Protein backbone atom coordinates (compact mmCIF):
# COMPACT_ATOMS: atom_id res chain seq x y z
CA MET A 1 -10.57 -21.07 1.61
CA MET A 2 -10.65 -17.56 0.24
CA ILE A 3 -7.34 -17.72 -1.29
CA LEU A 4 -8.02 -21.11 -2.81
CA ALA A 5 -11.18 -19.83 -4.35
CA ILE A 6 -9.31 -16.80 -5.91
CA VAL A 7 -6.66 -19.13 -7.39
CA LEU A 8 -9.33 -21.54 -8.82
CA GLY A 9 -11.51 -18.76 -10.17
CA TYR A 10 -8.56 -16.93 -11.83
CA PHE A 11 -7.30 -20.16 -13.30
CA CYS A 12 -10.80 -20.95 -14.74
CA LEU A 13 -10.63 -17.70 -16.65
CA LEU A 14 -7.18 -18.40 -17.93
CA PHE A 15 -8.05 -21.98 -18.95
CA ALA A 16 -11.24 -20.69 -20.78
CA ILE A 17 -8.87 -18.42 -22.87
CA SER A 18 -6.48 -21.36 -23.34
CA ARG A 19 -9.31 -23.60 -24.81
CA TRP A 20 -10.26 -20.84 -27.30
CA THR A 21 -6.76 -20.04 -28.40
CA GLY A 22 -5.47 -23.65 -28.44
CA ARG A 23 -7.93 -24.86 -31.05
CA HIS A 24 -5.98 -26.21 -34.16
CA ALA A 25 -2.63 -25.31 -32.55
CA ASP A 26 0.55 -26.68 -34.01
CA ASN A 27 4.23 -25.99 -33.39
CA ASP A 28 4.09 -22.64 -35.37
CA THR A 29 1.19 -21.62 -33.07
CA PHE A 30 3.12 -22.49 -29.99
CA TYR A 31 6.33 -20.77 -31.05
CA ARG A 32 5.07 -17.76 -32.97
CA GLY A 33 1.39 -17.53 -32.73
CA ASN A 34 1.19 -18.06 -36.51
CA ARG A 35 2.28 -14.46 -36.67
CA GLN A 36 -1.30 -13.14 -36.24
CA SER A 37 -1.29 -11.42 -32.92
CA PRO A 38 -2.90 -7.87 -32.79
CA TRP A 39 -0.21 -5.48 -31.79
CA TYR A 40 -2.21 -3.60 -29.20
CA MET A 41 -2.96 -6.85 -27.28
CA VAL A 42 0.76 -7.84 -27.30
CA ALA A 43 1.56 -4.36 -26.00
CA PHE A 44 -1.00 -4.39 -23.18
CA GLY A 45 -0.08 -7.95 -22.17
CA MET A 46 3.62 -7.23 -22.12
CA ILE A 47 3.25 -4.62 -19.45
CA GLY A 48 1.98 -7.24 -17.07
CA ALA A 49 4.41 -9.92 -18.34
CA SER A 50 7.37 -7.59 -17.61
CA ILE A 51 6.21 -7.11 -14.00
CA SER A 52 6.87 -10.20 -11.96
CA GLY A 53 5.46 -10.90 -8.51
CA VAL A 54 8.71 -9.80 -7.00
CA THR A 55 8.47 -6.36 -8.78
CA PHE A 56 4.80 -6.14 -7.51
CA VAL A 57 6.04 -6.55 -4.08
CA SER A 58 9.61 -4.90 -4.18
CA VAL A 59 8.88 -1.61 -6.03
CA PRO A 60 6.44 -0.04 -3.49
CA GLY A 61 9.08 -0.79 -0.77
CA MET A 62 11.81 1.05 -2.70
CA VAL A 63 10.70 4.37 -1.37
CA THR A 64 11.92 3.41 2.16
CA ARG A 65 15.52 2.98 0.88
CA ILE A 66 16.04 5.10 -2.30
CA ASP A 67 13.04 7.22 -2.48
CA MET A 68 11.74 7.41 -6.23
CA THR A 69 15.10 7.28 -7.82
CA TYR A 70 14.15 4.09 -9.59
CA LEU A 71 12.25 6.21 -12.05
CA GLN A 72 15.67 7.31 -13.43
CA THR A 73 16.17 3.66 -14.64
CA CYS A 74 12.64 3.59 -16.03
CA MET A 75 13.55 6.78 -18.10
CA GLY A 76 16.33 4.80 -19.55
CA PHE A 77 13.96 1.90 -20.33
CA ILE A 78 12.19 4.09 -22.77
CA LEU A 79 15.27 4.74 -24.87
CA GLY A 80 16.13 1.19 -24.57
CA TYR A 81 12.84 -0.01 -25.98
CA VAL A 82 13.24 2.43 -28.89
CA ILE A 83 16.57 0.83 -29.73
CA VAL A 84 15.20 -2.65 -29.65
CA ALA A 85 12.29 -1.63 -31.78
CA PHE A 86 14.20 0.08 -34.46
CA VAL A 87 17.45 -1.96 -34.40
CA LEU A 88 16.91 -5.49 -33.23
CA LEU A 89 13.32 -6.05 -34.29
CA PRO A 90 13.99 -5.25 -38.09
CA LEU A 91 16.86 -7.85 -37.96
CA TYR A 92 14.70 -10.50 -36.42
CA TYR A 93 11.87 -9.92 -38.80
CA ARG A 94 14.12 -9.75 -41.89
CA LEU A 95 15.61 -13.15 -40.95
CA ASN A 96 12.25 -14.50 -40.16
CA LEU A 97 13.51 -16.00 -36.80
CA THR A 98 11.64 -18.33 -34.54
CA THR A 99 14.27 -17.81 -31.75
CA ILE A 100 16.47 -14.79 -31.65
CA TYR A 101 19.66 -16.77 -31.01
CA SER A 102 19.43 -18.24 -34.53
CA PHE A 103 20.96 -15.03 -35.55
CA LEU A 104 24.11 -15.90 -33.65
CA GLY A 105 24.41 -19.16 -35.69
CA GLN A 106 24.00 -17.42 -38.97
CA ARG A 107 26.49 -14.54 -38.05
CA ILE A 108 29.11 -16.25 -35.91
CA GLY A 109 28.76 -20.00 -35.88
CA ARG A 110 27.22 -22.99 -34.38
CA ARG A 111 29.03 -22.84 -30.92
CA ALA A 112 28.09 -19.23 -30.58
CA TYR A 113 24.55 -20.12 -31.32
CA ARG A 114 24.41 -22.95 -28.67
CA THR A 115 26.30 -20.73 -26.17
CA GLY A 116 23.79 -17.87 -26.34
CA ALA A 117 20.80 -20.20 -26.05
CA SER A 118 22.50 -21.97 -23.18
CA PHE A 119 23.26 -18.73 -21.33
CA PHE A 120 19.57 -17.82 -21.80
CA LEU A 121 18.24 -21.15 -20.52
CA LEU A 122 20.46 -20.87 -17.43
CA SER A 123 19.59 -17.42 -16.46
CA LYS A 124 15.99 -17.75 -17.22
CA MET A 125 15.47 -20.96 -15.29
CA THR A 126 17.27 -19.59 -12.15
CA GLY A 127 15.76 -16.08 -12.37
CA ALA A 128 12.21 -17.25 -13.00
CA ALA A 129 12.40 -19.86 -10.32
CA VAL A 130 13.59 -17.49 -7.68
CA ARG A 131 10.84 -15.01 -8.53
CA PHE A 132 8.36 -17.80 -8.37
CA TYR A 133 9.68 -19.03 -5.11
CA VAL A 134 9.17 -15.60 -3.57
CA VAL A 135 5.50 -15.63 -4.79
CA CYS A 136 4.85 -19.00 -3.40
CA TRP A 137 6.34 -18.07 -0.05
CA ILE A 138 4.18 -14.99 0.20
CA LEU A 139 0.99 -16.97 -0.68
CA GLN A 140 2.01 -19.61 1.82
CA GLN A 141 2.32 -16.95 4.53
CA CYS A 142 -1.14 -15.59 3.60
CA ILE A 143 -2.71 -18.91 3.82
CA MET A 144 -1.07 -19.76 7.04
CA MET A 145 -2.31 -16.54 8.68
CA GLN A 146 -5.85 -17.85 8.09
CA MET A 147 -5.04 -21.34 9.72
CA PRO A 148 -5.58 -22.16 13.31
CA ASP A 149 -2.41 -21.66 15.46
CA GLY A 150 -2.00 -25.33 16.04
CA MET A 151 -1.81 -26.16 12.29
CA ARG A 152 0.63 -23.55 11.29
CA GLN A 153 3.72 -25.40 12.44
CA ILE A 154 2.52 -28.69 11.01
CA GLY A 155 1.46 -27.26 7.71
CA GLU A 156 4.45 -24.96 6.81
CA GLY A 157 6.62 -27.54 4.93
CA TRP A 158 4.00 -29.35 2.92
CA LEU A 159 1.95 -26.17 2.18
CA PHE A 160 4.79 -24.62 0.30
CA THR A 161 5.49 -27.73 -1.74
CA PHE A 162 1.77 -28.08 -2.55
CA THR A 163 1.48 -24.38 -3.49
CA ALA A 164 4.43 -24.56 -5.96
CA LEU A 165 3.18 -27.87 -7.59
CA VAL A 166 -0.37 -26.71 -8.06
CA MET A 167 0.51 -23.21 -9.52
CA VAL A 168 3.16 -24.64 -11.95
CA ALA A 169 0.71 -27.53 -12.96
CA LEU A 170 -1.92 -24.84 -13.72
CA ILE A 171 0.52 -22.82 -15.73
CA TRP A 172 1.55 -25.91 -17.66
CA LEU A 173 -2.05 -26.89 -18.20
CA TYR A 174 -3.18 -23.59 -19.94
CA THR A 175 -0.05 -23.17 -22.00
CA ARG A 176 0.47 -26.68 -23.33
CA LYS A 177 -1.46 -26.40 -26.46
CA GLY A 178 -1.60 -22.74 -27.58
CA GLY A 179 1.70 -21.66 -26.23
CA ILE A 180 2.61 -18.20 -27.19
CA ARG A 181 -0.72 -17.52 -28.86
CA THR A 182 -2.51 -18.30 -25.60
CA LEU A 183 -0.02 -16.08 -23.65
CA VAL A 184 -0.79 -12.99 -25.78
CA TRP A 185 -4.42 -13.17 -24.65
CA THR A 186 -3.89 -14.44 -21.10
CA ASP A 187 -1.26 -11.78 -20.49
CA SER A 188 -3.74 -9.10 -21.32
CA LEU A 189 -6.22 -10.39 -18.78
CA GLN A 190 -3.47 -10.60 -16.22
CA THR A 191 -2.35 -7.05 -16.89
CA ALA A 192 -5.86 -5.90 -16.26
CA CYS A 193 -6.02 -7.76 -13.03
CA LEU A 194 -2.65 -6.41 -12.01
CA PHE A 195 -3.34 -2.83 -12.48
CA GLY A 196 -6.96 -3.13 -11.42
CA ALA A 197 -5.67 -4.43 -8.13
CA LEU A 198 -2.93 -1.67 -7.89
CA ILE A 199 -5.40 1.16 -8.60
CA LEU A 200 -7.99 -0.20 -6.13
CA MET A 201 -5.36 -0.48 -3.41
CA LEU A 202 -4.30 3.04 -4.07
CA ILE A 203 -7.80 4.23 -3.62
CA MET A 204 -8.22 2.19 -0.37
CA VAL A 205 -5.00 3.60 1.15
CA THR A 206 -6.05 7.11 0.21
CA LYS A 207 -9.25 6.71 1.91
CA GLN A 208 -7.61 5.44 4.99
CA LEU A 209 -5.46 8.50 5.03
CA GLU A 210 -8.71 10.52 4.72
CA MET A 211 -7.40 12.22 1.51
CA GLY A 212 -8.74 12.94 -1.88
CA VAL A 213 -6.78 12.16 -5.08
CA GLY A 214 -5.46 15.71 -5.24
CA ASP A 215 -4.44 15.71 -1.58
CA ALA A 216 -2.63 12.39 -2.05
CA VAL A 217 -0.69 13.65 -5.13
CA SER A 218 0.29 16.86 -3.16
CA ALA A 219 1.37 14.75 -0.09
CA ILE A 220 3.48 12.50 -2.30
CA ALA A 221 5.10 15.33 -4.11
CA GLU A 222 5.97 17.25 -0.81
CA SER A 223 7.31 14.06 0.86
CA GLU A 224 10.99 13.51 1.30
CA MET A 225 10.42 10.13 -0.47
CA SER A 226 9.57 12.09 -3.78
CA ARG A 227 13.17 12.57 -4.71
CA ILE A 228 13.69 11.28 -8.18
CA PHE A 229 17.02 12.71 -9.59
CA VAL A 230 20.53 12.33 -8.25
CA PHE A 231 23.12 14.35 -10.08
CA ASP A 232 25.55 15.37 -7.29
CA ASP A 233 26.89 12.16 -6.11
CA TRP A 234 29.05 10.12 -8.67
CA MET A 235 29.76 7.39 -6.16
CA SER A 236 26.16 6.72 -5.45
CA LYS A 237 24.44 3.83 -7.26
CA GLN A 238 21.44 6.13 -7.66
CA ASN A 239 23.44 8.63 -9.71
CA PHE A 240 21.21 9.68 -12.72
CA TRP A 241 23.55 8.85 -15.46
CA LYS A 242 24.33 5.41 -14.03
CA GLN A 243 20.72 4.60 -13.54
CA PHE A 244 19.61 6.01 -16.94
CA PHE A 245 22.16 4.18 -19.06
CA SER A 246 21.79 1.10 -17.03
CA GLY A 247 18.08 1.20 -17.73
CA VAL A 248 18.96 1.42 -21.52
CA PHE A 249 21.21 -1.57 -21.39
CA ILE A 250 18.93 -3.53 -19.03
CA VAL A 251 16.19 -3.30 -21.64
CA ILE A 252 18.49 -4.09 -24.65
CA VAL A 253 19.81 -7.17 -22.89
CA MET A 254 16.92 -8.39 -20.82
CA THR A 255 14.30 -7.67 -23.38
CA GLY A 256 16.01 -7.34 -26.91
CA LEU A 257 18.33 -10.30 -26.31
CA ASP A 258 15.91 -12.48 -24.21
CA GLN A 259 13.77 -14.99 -26.03
CA ASP A 260 11.18 -14.88 -23.32
CA MET A 261 10.57 -11.19 -23.77
CA MET A 262 11.00 -11.08 -27.55
CA GLN A 263 8.82 -14.14 -28.40
CA LYS A 264 5.45 -12.42 -28.05
CA ASN A 265 6.75 -9.42 -30.03
CA LEU A 266 7.70 -11.67 -32.90
CA THR A 267 4.02 -12.90 -33.12
CA CYS A 268 2.82 -9.59 -34.61
CA SER A 269 1.98 -9.93 -38.29
CA SER A 270 4.43 -7.18 -39.53
CA LEU A 271 7.51 -5.40 -38.36
CA ARG A 272 5.57 -2.17 -38.13
CA ASP A 273 3.05 -3.62 -35.79
CA ALA A 274 5.82 -5.05 -33.62
CA GLN A 275 7.57 -1.70 -33.43
CA LYS A 276 4.27 0.01 -32.43
CA ASP A 277 3.79 -2.68 -29.82
CA MET A 278 7.19 -2.36 -28.34
CA THR A 279 7.27 1.45 -28.15
CA THR A 280 3.88 1.67 -26.64
CA TYR A 281 4.48 -0.61 -23.74
CA GLY A 282 8.00 0.77 -23.34
CA VAL A 283 6.63 4.19 -22.67
CA ALA A 284 3.95 2.76 -20.31
CA PHE A 285 6.61 1.62 -17.85
CA LEU A 286 7.26 5.12 -16.47
CA PRO A 287 3.70 5.90 -15.28
CA ALA A 288 3.24 2.19 -14.27
CA ASN A 289 6.25 2.30 -11.86
CA LEU A 290 5.31 5.81 -10.66
CA LEU A 291 2.03 4.16 -9.44
CA PHE A 292 3.76 1.31 -7.56
CA LEU A 293 6.16 3.93 -5.98
CA SER A 294 3.26 6.20 -5.07
CA LEU A 295 1.53 3.20 -3.40
CA GLY A 296 4.59 2.66 -1.23
CA ALA A 297 4.88 6.37 -0.32
CA LEU A 298 1.23 6.34 0.80
CA LEU A 299 1.70 3.19 2.83
CA VAL A 300 4.69 4.74 4.72
CA MET A 301 2.45 7.81 5.44
CA LEU A 302 -0.25 5.52 6.78
CA ALA A 303 2.27 3.57 8.94
CA HIS A 304 3.44 6.88 10.53
CA GLN A 305 -0.16 7.95 11.14
CA ARG A 306 -1.10 4.76 12.80
CA GLY A 307 2.17 4.32 14.65
CA ILE A 308 3.08 1.15 12.77
CA ALA A 309 6.74 0.28 12.58
CA ILE A 310 8.10 0.30 9.01
CA PRO A 311 9.55 -3.20 8.07
CA GLU A 312 13.31 -3.19 7.88
CA MET A 313 13.11 -4.96 4.50
CA GLY A 314 11.35 -2.80 1.84
CA ASP A 315 9.96 -5.93 0.24
CA GLN A 316 7.80 -6.45 3.39
CA LEU A 317 6.08 -3.25 3.19
CA LEU A 318 3.06 -4.13 1.01
CA PRO A 319 2.70 -7.76 2.06
CA THR A 320 2.72 -6.59 5.84
CA PHE A 321 -0.14 -4.13 5.23
CA ALA A 322 -2.01 -6.63 3.10
CA ALA A 323 -1.69 -9.48 5.60
CA SER A 324 -2.48 -7.32 8.67
CA GLY A 325 -6.06 -6.75 7.63
CA LEU A 326 -5.70 -3.00 8.53
CA LEU A 327 -6.98 -2.09 5.10
CA GLY A 328 -9.73 -4.52 5.17
CA PRO A 329 -10.35 -7.99 3.62
CA ALA A 330 -10.81 -6.49 0.17
CA VAL A 331 -7.12 -5.51 0.03
CA VAL A 332 -6.09 -9.05 0.90
CA VAL A 333 -8.05 -10.28 -2.12
CA LEU A 334 -6.60 -7.54 -4.40
CA PHE A 335 -3.05 -8.30 -3.10
CA ILE A 336 -3.35 -11.99 -3.87
CA LEU A 337 -5.00 -11.20 -7.29
CA GLY A 338 -2.15 -8.92 -8.22
CA ILE A 339 0.51 -11.38 -7.03
CA LEU A 340 -1.18 -14.15 -9.05
CA ALA A 341 -1.46 -11.98 -12.19
CA ALA A 342 2.24 -10.85 -11.92
CA SER A 343 3.56 -14.27 -11.18
CA PHE A 344 1.55 -16.25 -13.73
CA SER A 345 2.24 -13.79 -16.56
CA SER A 346 6.15 -14.01 -15.96
CA ALA A 347 6.26 -17.78 -15.16
CA ASP A 348 4.13 -18.84 -18.10
CA SER A 349 6.06 -16.94 -20.66
CA ALA A 350 9.31 -18.18 -19.15
CA LEU A 351 8.33 -21.93 -19.50
CA THR A 352 7.08 -21.31 -23.07
CA ALA A 353 10.29 -19.44 -24.13
CA MET A 354 12.60 -22.16 -22.44
CA THR A 355 10.66 -24.83 -24.34
CA THR A 356 11.07 -22.92 -27.57
CA SER A 357 14.72 -22.44 -27.08
CA PHE A 358 15.52 -25.94 -26.05
CA CYS A 359 13.56 -27.55 -29.03
CA VAL A 360 14.75 -25.05 -31.72
CA ASP A 361 18.16 -23.96 -30.54
CA ILE A 362 19.53 -26.93 -28.53
CA CYS A 363 17.83 -29.88 -30.25
CA GLY A 364 17.51 -28.25 -33.67
CA LYS A 365 13.92 -29.78 -34.17
CA PRO A 366 11.46 -26.94 -34.59
CA ASN A 367 8.90 -29.23 -36.27
CA ASP A 368 8.85 -32.06 -33.81
CA GLU A 369 5.55 -31.70 -32.00
CA ASN A 370 6.05 -34.72 -29.65
CA LEU A 371 9.46 -33.36 -28.64
CA ARG A 372 7.85 -30.01 -27.94
CA LYS A 373 5.16 -31.57 -25.69
CA ARG A 374 7.72 -33.59 -23.77
CA SER A 375 10.10 -30.76 -23.33
CA HIS A 376 7.44 -28.52 -22.10
CA LEU A 377 6.40 -30.99 -19.44
CA ILE A 378 9.96 -31.73 -18.44
CA ILE A 379 10.95 -28.08 -18.21
CA ALA A 380 7.94 -27.48 -16.02
CA VAL A 381 9.13 -30.35 -13.72
CA ILE A 382 12.64 -28.99 -13.53
CA PHE A 383 11.18 -25.53 -12.77
CA VAL A 384 9.35 -26.99 -9.74
CA VAL A 385 12.55 -28.75 -8.59
CA PHE A 386 14.48 -25.42 -8.76
CA VAL A 387 11.71 -23.64 -6.76
CA LEU A 388 11.85 -26.31 -4.12
CA LEU A 389 15.61 -26.23 -3.84
CA PHE A 390 15.43 -22.50 -3.16
CA ARG A 391 12.95 -23.37 -0.39
CA LEU A 392 15.40 -25.79 1.15
CA VAL A 393 18.24 -23.15 0.88
CA ASN A 394 15.83 -20.64 2.45
CA SER A 395 18.58 -18.02 2.61
CA THR A 396 18.17 -14.49 1.46
CA SER A 397 21.96 -14.14 0.79
CA VAL A 398 21.93 -17.18 -1.52
CA ILE A 399 18.92 -15.91 -3.48
CA ASP A 400 20.64 -12.58 -3.81
CA ALA A 401 23.60 -14.39 -5.16
CA ILE A 402 21.44 -16.16 -7.69
CA TYR A 403 20.04 -12.79 -8.85
CA VAL A 404 23.65 -11.63 -9.26
CA LEU A 405 24.37 -14.64 -11.33
CA CYS A 406 21.54 -14.07 -13.63
CA GLY A 407 22.89 -10.44 -14.18
CA TYR A 408 26.31 -11.87 -14.96
CA THR A 409 24.87 -14.42 -17.53
CA TYR A 410 23.30 -11.65 -19.69
CA GLY A 411 26.65 -9.94 -20.21
CA PRO A 412 27.95 -12.52 -22.73
CA LEU A 413 24.72 -12.19 -24.65
CA LEU A 414 25.27 -8.48 -24.91
CA GLY A 415 28.81 -9.03 -26.11
CA LEU A 416 27.79 -11.74 -28.66
CA PHE A 417 25.04 -9.69 -30.27
CA ALA A 418 27.13 -6.56 -30.20
CA PHE A 419 29.94 -8.35 -32.06
CA GLY A 420 27.40 -9.77 -34.58
CA LEU A 421 25.68 -6.48 -35.22
CA LEU A 422 28.51 -3.76 -34.99
CA THR A 423 31.21 -5.60 -36.77
CA HIS A 424 31.74 -7.58 -40.04
CA ARG A 425 34.47 -9.48 -38.63
CA GLN A 426 34.73 -13.24 -38.23
CA THR A 427 36.00 -15.04 -35.01
CA ASN A 428 37.12 -18.41 -33.98
CA ASP A 429 33.76 -20.05 -33.16
CA ARG A 430 35.49 -22.91 -31.35
CA TRP A 431 36.65 -20.53 -28.61
CA VAL A 432 33.60 -18.52 -28.21
CA PRO A 433 32.10 -20.61 -25.29
CA TYR A 434 35.38 -20.10 -23.28
CA VAL A 435 35.33 -16.24 -23.79
CA CYS A 436 31.76 -16.21 -22.69
CA LEU A 437 32.56 -18.12 -19.53
CA ALA A 438 35.75 -16.14 -18.80
CA SER A 439 33.98 -12.71 -19.10
CA PRO A 440 31.66 -13.09 -16.09
CA LEU A 441 34.50 -14.52 -13.99
CA PHE A 442 36.79 -11.57 -14.91
CA CYS A 443 33.98 -9.16 -13.96
CA TRP A 444 33.44 -10.83 -10.65
CA GLY A 445 37.13 -10.62 -9.82
CA LEU A 446 37.28 -6.99 -10.88
CA ASP A 447 34.24 -6.25 -8.73
CA ALA A 448 35.90 -7.84 -5.74
CA ILE A 449 39.26 -6.14 -6.25
CA VAL A 450 37.80 -2.64 -6.78
CA GLY A 451 35.51 -3.12 -3.84
CA TYR A 452 38.35 -4.21 -1.58
CA TYR A 453 40.68 -1.32 -2.36
CA THR A 454 38.32 1.57 -2.99
CA GLY A 455 34.98 0.56 -1.31
CA TYR A 456 33.13 1.12 -4.60
CA ARG A 457 30.83 -1.68 -5.58
CA PHE A 458 29.65 -1.94 -9.19
CA GLY A 459 25.86 -1.87 -9.73
CA TYR A 460 24.02 -2.27 -12.97
CA GLU A 461 26.98 -1.03 -14.88
CA LEU A 462 28.69 -4.26 -14.42
CA LEU A 463 26.33 -5.65 -17.08
CA MET A 464 27.97 -3.16 -19.59
CA LEU A 465 31.44 -4.21 -18.58
CA ASN A 466 30.68 -7.86 -18.86
CA GLY A 467 29.40 -7.25 -22.48
CA LEU A 468 32.42 -5.21 -23.25
CA PHE A 469 34.86 -7.90 -22.09
CA THR A 470 33.08 -10.46 -24.16
CA PHE A 471 33.06 -8.22 -27.23
CA VAL A 472 36.80 -7.44 -26.90
CA GLY A 473 37.55 -11.26 -26.45
CA LEU A 474 35.74 -12.00 -29.60
CA LEU A 475 37.65 -9.33 -31.46
CA ALA A 476 40.89 -10.70 -30.12
CA LEU A 477 40.22 -14.28 -31.42
CA ARG A 478 41.84 -15.11 -34.72
CA PRO A 479 39.29 -16.30 -37.28
CA THR A 480 39.48 -19.89 -38.17
CA SER A 481 41.47 -20.37 -41.27
CA LYS A 482 39.69 -21.81 -44.22
């Protein structure tokens, strides 16, 4: 009952904002917020929107495997956001784009345009559904722990389906009118809830350790888990330069070339405001992730102090402590609130962005309001289907493979935009889809061969190789004769 009350209470706040922002809404409101969003609200909301429920759970557990070396990637994020703000945003604003893939149509051709949008829809649907599946599974486990023993076995199957249906229905309900204008404001609320929950959990764990703030900072700094930089091992995936430049390209591709992440930035009234928004929340990622990693380090210390076994999977570290009741019922509430805030803010923007891209890029009907409403509902239904399919698969290895697939699908987007921005050449638009399909397949084969003969496995750098192969393939195509 407590979890249900939290979900309903949280939704009531979101729906109140939706009612306020959805008044007199039209397609331009849904797609671009009428270009009237305050930049500081966009910046604050984007911090929460960029942190999914999986991130909320996973990052604290990273300290058990790779210490705090993830911060090297976050440092690369900052440079990546600067590049997006001062290279890509001026282009998008100059062309007055509703979706960023329209640029590919103007620069390369219609098939490149549709290919870019299709890769986005594929990667966003699978990636967002997997993240949402993980959150629904965690909520299901929390609910089942409060059920009598006899009901747990019976309720496991239907409870997950019910959780997924209700949460997606709630997201659809509060985004269906105002769209992106609603999300600018609801994301700000969700960011406040997310970090409020995080900070309060840090305080509670520190008290359990009988430490003050200064003592906790010193304990983390002196811990073996405080390692940030890796310069001495070039074979390691945690090598600084690999992590740093991967962070740069992750932001360029998964923010600058992703309609979901760029749509809110394009609601600012001017380019200058959009640039202030992006650089502000870009810098904020470093301290934000430091807080998540610090929480993980403190939880590991508490586990050692209390003689509690550290979960084998780092992702289980925070959920294990939250569900155990060791930190008190308040932490259960805060954990669920943080999960809801992170999952809602990532899933709602994904559904809105996919609706925008489908109506504008695939159907070519940006002014058809009935199409937009139907598409938004249909995409929400498909999203639920994907989540339930992952529930049926119920295999971590398959889910990991889907995440890898999403990483592969962003490579062609990087190559397409790089070709359009860095060259003045024309290419054969007819063959663009085939190049974009061949490049990820080639990268997969290369990774398998190199891994087999050398033992080296590509990490984030595979994204850059994927983009490079797409870029070279487009260069090799002979332009269509006129």
